[in-house]
């Protein structure tokens, strides 16, 4: 395959890339996945060893792999972008009826908590609302005291940056 320019190889394997995109029903972001398929084909073109088998089989594996990798990357990106409804927050699901927070304060608090990881949110809720010591928090969640201290340190650092930018 090295005796042919990549443009010709890309034209020959265009149906392969398109069939993989159709196979996984990825027509909404066609260009993104087509580009991923081309990158897989380019890698196959560059690394193919004729002594190890046919180029078409190798190209199929790399094209498919690159498209699947792009699907996983897109799924992770979308998962990170999920917006948080203040009343669906995992942290507030752990509060008891005694910890009831008025709605306005609930909204305000969640504007800050949404910037924190789940563990950092745990620290804020347990320390502020339950008035627990860090040792008690560590026992409750089955982690070390040092882990809880790192939650605190990271939470405070993030909250300071959020407060400065608002």
C-alpha atoms as a PDB file:
ATOM      1  CA  UNK A   1       0.000   0.000   0.000  1.00  0.00           C
ATOM      2  CA  UNK A   2       2.947   2.351   0.480  1.00  0.00           C
ATOM      3  CA  UNK A   3       3.336   2.533  -3.306  1.00  0.00           C
ATOM      4  CA  UNK A   4      -0.014   4.397  -3.509  1.00  0.00           C
ATOM      5  CA  UNK A   5      -0.586   7.934  -2.236  1.00  0.00           C
ATOM      6  CA  UNK A   6      -2.798   8.138   0.855  1.00  0.00           C
ATOM      7  CA  UNK A   7      -5.486  10.061  -1.050  1.00  0.00           C
ATOM      8  CA  UNK A   8      -6.068   7.042  -3.294  1.00  0.00           C
ATOM      9  CA  UNK A   9      -6.143   4.678  -0.310  1.00  0.00           C
ATOM     10  CA  UNK A  10      -8.626   7.014   1.421  1.00  0.00           C
ATOM     11  CA  UNK A  11     -10.840   6.993  -1.679  1.00  0.00           C
ATOM     12  CA  UNK A  12     -10.683   3.181  -1.844  1.00  0.00           C
ATOM     13  CA  UNK A  13     -11.595   2.767   1.826  1.00  0.00           C
ATOM     14  CA  UNK A  14     -14.189   5.540   1.956  1.00  0.00           C
ATOM     15  CA  UNK A  15     -17.041   2.975   1.890  1.00  0.00           C
ATOM     16  CA  UNK A  16     -15.476   1.175   4.865  1.00  0.00           C
ATOM     17  CA  UNK A  17     -15.417   4.335   6.977  1.00  0.00           C
ATOM     18  CA  UNK A  18     -18.981   5.257   5.993  1.00  0.00           C
ATOM     19  CA  UNK A  19     -20.249   1.754   6.702  1.00  0.00           C
ATOM     20  CA  UNK A  20     -18.758   1.851  10.222  1.00  0.00           C
ATOM     21  CA  UNK A  21     -20.432   5.221  10.849  1.00  0.00           C
ATOM     22  CA  UNK A  22     -23.774   3.852   9.655  1.00  0.00           C
ATOM     23  CA  UNK A  23     -23.274   0.656  11.649  1.00  0.00           C
ATOM     24  CA  UNK A  24     -23.016   2.632  14.892  1.00  0.00           C
ATOM     25  CA  UNK A  25     -25.776   5.125  13.904  1.00  0.00           C
ATOM     26  CA  UNK A  26     -23.446   8.137  14.126  1.00  0.00           C
ATOM     27  CA  UNK A  27     -24.970  10.235  11.379  1.00  0.00           C
ATOM     28  CA  UNK A  28     -25.617  13.289  13.605  1.00  0.00           C
ATOM     29  CA  UNK A  29     -21.886  14.034  13.958  1.00  0.00           C
ATOM     30  CA  UNK A  30     -20.860  12.445  10.679  1.00  0.00           C
ATOM     31  CA  UNK A  31     -17.841  14.694  10.029  1.00  0.00           C
ATOM     32  CA  UNK A  32     -16.366  14.109  13.477  1.00  0.00           C
ATOM     33  CA  UNK A  33     -16.542  10.329  13.154  1.00  0.00           C
ATOM     34  CA  UNK A  34     -15.484  10.350   9.505  1.00  0.00           C
ATOM     35  CA  UNK A  35     -12.359  12.255  10.551  1.00  0.00           C
ATOM     36  CA  UNK A  36     -11.723   9.656  13.270  1.00  0.00           C
ATOM     37  CA  UNK A  37     -12.082   6.905  10.662  1.00  0.00           C
ATOM     38  CA  UNK A  38      -9.606   8.677   8.398  1.00  0.00           C
ATOM     39  CA  UNK A  39      -7.148   8.934  11.267  1.00  0.00           C
ATOM     40  CA  UNK A  40      -7.474   5.199  11.844  1.00  0.00           C
ATOM     41  CA  UNK A  41      -6.903   4.580   8.137  1.00  0.00           C
ATOM     42  CA  UNK A  42      -3.855   6.873   8.179  1.00  0.00           C
ATOM     43  CA  UNK A  43      -2.392   4.940  11.113  1.00  0.00           C
ATOM     44  CA  UNK A  44      -2.995   1.677   9.229  1.00  0.00           C
ATOM     45  CA  UNK A  45      -1.373   3.181   6.117  1.00  0.00           C
ATOM     46  CA  UNK A  46       1.698   4.273   8.079  1.00  0.00           C
ATOM     47  CA  UNK A  47       2.210   1.130  10.199  1.00  0.00           C
ATOM     48  CA  UNK A  48       1.129  -1.683   7.859  1.00  0.00           C
ATOM     49  CA  UNK A  49       3.535  -4.617   7.518  1.00  0.00           C
ATOM     50  CA  UNK A  50       2.715  -6.742   4.427  1.00  0.00           C
ATOM     51  CA  UNK A  51       4.347  -9.806   5.990  1.00  0.00           C
ATOM     52  CA  UNK A  52       1.712  -9.903   8.746  1.00  0.00           C
ATOM     53  CA  UNK A  53      -1.456 -10.061   6.649  1.00  0.00           C
ATOM     54  CA  UNK A  54      -3.756  -8.125   4.365  1.00  0.00           C
ATOM     55  CA  UNK A  55      -4.029  -4.358   4.491  1.00  0.00           C
ATOM     56  CA  UNK A  56      -7.831  -4.404   4.304  1.00  0.00           C
ATOM     57  CA  UNK A  57      -8.150  -6.443   7.520  1.00  0.00           C
ATOM     58  CA  UNK A  58      -5.659  -4.239   9.313  1.00  0.00           C
ATOM     59  CA  UNK A  59      -7.339  -1.067   8.067  1.00  0.00           C
ATOM     60  CA  UNK A  60     -10.746  -2.365   9.199  1.00  0.00           C
ATOM     61  CA  UNK A  61      -9.483  -2.942  12.746  1.00  0.00           C
ATOM     62  CA  UNK A  62      -7.813   0.453  13.062  1.00  0.00           C
ATOM     63  CA  UNK A  63     -10.709   2.383  11.497  1.00  0.00           C
ATOM     64  CA  UNK A  64     -13.227   0.651  13.744  1.00  0.00           C
ATOM     65  CA  UNK A  65     -11.018   1.128  16.797  1.00  0.00           C
ATOM     66  CA  UNK A  66     -10.522   4.826  16.165  1.00  0.00           C
ATOM     67  CA  UNK A  67     -14.257   5.428  15.660  1.00  0.00           C
ATOM     68  CA  UNK A  68     -15.082   3.513  18.858  1.00  0.00           C
ATOM     69  CA  UNK A  69     -12.436   5.507  20.698  1.00  0.00           C
ATOM     70  CA  UNK A  70     -14.087   8.714  19.489  1.00  0.00           C
ATOM     71  CA  UNK A  71     -17.492   7.447  20.676  1.00  0.00           C
ATOM     72  CA  UNK A  72     -16.081   6.788  24.151  1.00  0.00           C
ATOM     73  CA  UNK A  73     -14.420  10.198  24.263  1.00  0.00           C
ATOM     74  CA  UNK A  74     -17.672  11.906  23.238  1.00  0.00           C
ATOM     75  CA  UNK A  75     -19.638   9.964  25.858  1.00  0.00           C
ATOM     76  CA  UNK A  76     -17.209  11.024  28.583  1.00  0.00           C
ATOM     77  CA  UNK A  77     -17.412  14.648  27.460  1.00  0.00           C
ATOM     78  CA  UNK A  78     -21.212  14.574  27.549  1.00  0.00           C
ATOM     79  CA  UNK A  79     -21.178  12.942  30.968  1.00  0.00           C
ATOM     80  CA  UNK A  80     -19.068  15.790  32.327  1.00  0.00           C
ATOM     81  CA  UNK A  81     -21.416  18.396  30.857  1.00  0.00           C
ATOM     82  CA  UNK A  82     -24.512  17.116  32.639  1.00  0.00           C
ATOM     83  CA  UNK A  83     -26.076  20.070  34.392  1.00  0.00           C
ATOM     84  CA  UNK A  84     -26.993  19.747  38.031  1.00  0.00           C
ATOM     85  CA  UNK A  85     -30.501  20.367  39.303  1.00  0.00           C
ATOM     86  CA  UNK A  86     -30.020  21.678  42.850  1.00  0.00           C
ATOM     87  CA  UNK A  87     -32.657  19.345  44.277  1.00  0.00           C
ATOM     88  CA  UNK A  88     -31.251  16.282  42.532  1.00  0.00           C
ATOM     89  CA  UNK A  89     -27.781  16.831  43.932  1.00  0.00           C
ATOM     90  CA  UNK A  90     -26.337  13.703  45.526  1.00  0.00           C
ATOM     91  CA  UNK A  91     -25.273  15.763  48.490  1.00  0.00           C
ATOM     92  CA  UNK A  92     -28.770  16.978  49.304  1.00  0.00           C
ATOM     93  CA  UNK A  93     -30.166  13.486  49.031  1.00  0.00           C
ATOM     94  CA  UNK A  94     -28.087  12.603  52.108  1.00  0.00           C
ATOM     95  CA  UNK A  95     -29.561  15.364  54.259  1.00  0.00           C
ATOM     96  CA  UNK A  96     -32.169  14.377  56.820  1.00  0.00           C
ATOM     97  CA  UNK A  97     -35.385  16.232  57.598  1.00  0.00           C
ATOM     98  CA  UNK A  98     -33.554  17.968  60.465  1.00  0.00           C
ATOM     99  CA  UNK A  99     -31.127  19.473  57.978  1.00  0.00           C
ATOM    100  CA  UNK A 100     -33.817  21.201  55.954  1.00  0.00           C
ATOM    101  CA  UNK A 101     -32.435  24.236  54.179  1.00  0.00           C
ATOM    102  CA  UNK A 102     -34.768  26.977  52.968  1.00  0.00           C
ATOM    103  CA  UNK A 103     -35.191  26.940  49.185  1.00  0.00           C
ATOM    104  CA  UNK A 104     -33.277  30.168  48.504  1.00  0.00           C
ATOM    105  CA  UNK A 105     -30.320  29.038  50.599  1.00  0.00           C
ATOM    106  CA  UNK A 106     -30.525  25.634  48.917  1.00  0.00           C
ATOM    107  CA  UNK A 107     -30.215  27.283  45.503  1.00  0.00           C
ATOM    108  CA  UNK A 108     -27.351  29.519  46.592  1.00  0.00           C
ATOM    109  CA  UNK A 109     -25.443  26.698  48.216  1.00  0.00           C
ATOM    110  CA  UNK A 110     -25.792  24.511  45.152  1.00  0.00           C
ATOM    111  CA  UNK A 111     -24.337  27.237  42.955  1.00  0.00           C
ATOM    112  CA  UNK A 112     -21.143  26.692  44.891  1.00  0.00           C
ATOM    113  CA  UNK A 113     -21.387  22.952  45.491  1.00  0.00           C
ATOM    114  CA  UNK A 114     -21.793  22.155  41.808  1.00  0.00           C
ATOM    115  CA  UNK A 115     -18.149  23.148  41.295  1.00  0.00           C
ATOM    116  CA  UNK A 116     -16.959  20.517  43.769  1.00  0.00           C
ATOM    117  CA  UNK A 117     -16.424  16.785  43.433  1.00  0.00           C
ATOM    118  CA  UNK A 118     -18.707  14.431  45.330  1.00  0.00           C
ATOM    119  CA  UNK A 119     -16.141  13.947  48.101  1.00  0.00           C
ATOM    120  CA  UNK A 120     -15.597  17.678  48.456  1.00  0.00           C
ATOM    121  CA  UNK A 121     -19.366  18.143  48.681  1.00  0.00           C
ATOM    122  CA  UNK A 122     -19.466  15.464  51.370  1.00  0.00           C
ATOM    123  CA  UNK A 123     -16.916  17.388  53.387  1.00  0.00           C
ATOM    124  CA  UNK A 124     -18.874  20.652  53.105  1.00  0.00           C
ATOM    125  CA  UNK A 125     -22.203  19.060  54.080  1.00  0.00           C
ATOM    126  CA  UNK A 126     -20.851  16.919  56.906  1.00  0.00           C
ATOM    127  CA  UNK A 127     -18.631  19.645  58.348  1.00  0.00           C
ATOM    128  CA  UNK A 128     -20.984  22.625  57.944  1.00  0.00           C
ATOM    129  CA  UNK A 129     -24.454  21.118  58.405  1.00  0.00           C
ATOM    130  CA  UNK A 130     -23.721  18.137  60.614  1.00  0.00           C
ATOM    131  CA  UNK A 131     -20.878  19.843  62.511  1.00  0.00           C
ATOM    132  CA  UNK A 132     -18.820  16.648  62.346  1.00  0.00           C
ATOM    133  CA  UNK A 133     -15.105  16.540  62.883  1.00  0.00           C
ATOM    134  CA  UNK A 134     -12.870  15.349  60.086  1.00  0.00           C
ATOM    135  CA  UNK A 135     -12.187  12.144  62.011  1.00  0.00           C
ATOM    136  CA  UNK A 136     -15.933  11.449  62.214  1.00  0.00           C
ATOM    137  CA  UNK A 137     -16.309  12.114  58.491  1.00  0.00           C
ATOM    138  CA  UNK A 138     -13.436   9.730  57.770  1.00  0.00           C
ATOM    139  CA  UNK A 139     -15.083   7.005  59.875  1.00  0.00           C
ATOM    140  CA  UNK A 140     -18.474   7.579  58.244  1.00  0.00           C
ATOM    141  CA  UNK A 141     -17.146   7.177  54.703  1.00  0.00           C
ATOM    142  CA  UNK A 142     -14.488   4.582  55.500  1.00  0.00           C
ATOM    143  CA  UNK A 143     -11.513   6.643  54.394  1.00  0.00           C
ATOM    144  CA  UNK A 144      -8.418   7.956  56.105  1.00  0.00           C
ATOM    145  CA  UNK A 145      -8.242  11.236  57.955  1.00  0.00           C
ATOM    146  CA  UNK A 146      -5.717  12.411  55.365  1.00  0.00           C
ATOM    147  CA  UNK A 147      -8.239  11.791  52.588  1.00  0.00           C
ATOM    148  CA  UNK A 148     -10.829  13.959  54.330  1.00  0.00           C
ATOM    149  CA  UNK A 149      -8.214  16.667  54.865  1.00  0.00           C
ATOM    150  CA  UNK A 150      -7.412  16.589  51.155  1.00  0.00           C
ATOM    151  CA  UNK A 151     -11.146  16.945  50.380  1.00  0.00           C
ATOM    152  CA  UNK A 152     -11.209  19.996  52.654  1.00  0.00           C
ATOM    153  CA  UNK A 153      -8.129  21.550  51.121  1.00  0.00           C
ATOM    154  CA  UNK A 154      -9.352  21.068  47.546  1.00  0.00           C
ATOM    155  CA  UNK A 155     -12.891  22.241  48.390  1.00  0.00           C
ATOM    156  CA  UNK A 156     -11.655  25.435  49.999  1.00  0.00           C
ATOM    157  CA  UNK A 157      -9.320  26.132  47.102  1.00  0.00           C
ATOM    158  CA  UNK A 158     -12.116  25.646  44.522  1.00  0.00           C
ATOM    159  CA  UNK A 159     -14.616  27.673  46.518  1.00  0.00           C
ATOM    160  CA  UNK A 160     -12.157  30.567  46.785  1.00  0.00           C
ATOM    161  CA  UNK A 161     -11.677  30.629  43.015  1.00  0.00           C
ATOM    162  CA  UNK A 162     -15.455  30.479  42.473  1.00  0.00           C
ATOM    163  CA  UNK A 163     -16.007  33.354  44.927  1.00  0.00           C
ATOM    164  CA  UNK A 164     -13.321  35.462  43.261  1.00  0.00           C
ATOM    165  CA  UNK A 165     -14.757  34.983  39.761  1.00  0.00           C
ATOM    166  CA  UNK A 166     -18.326  35.866  40.790  1.00  0.00           C
END
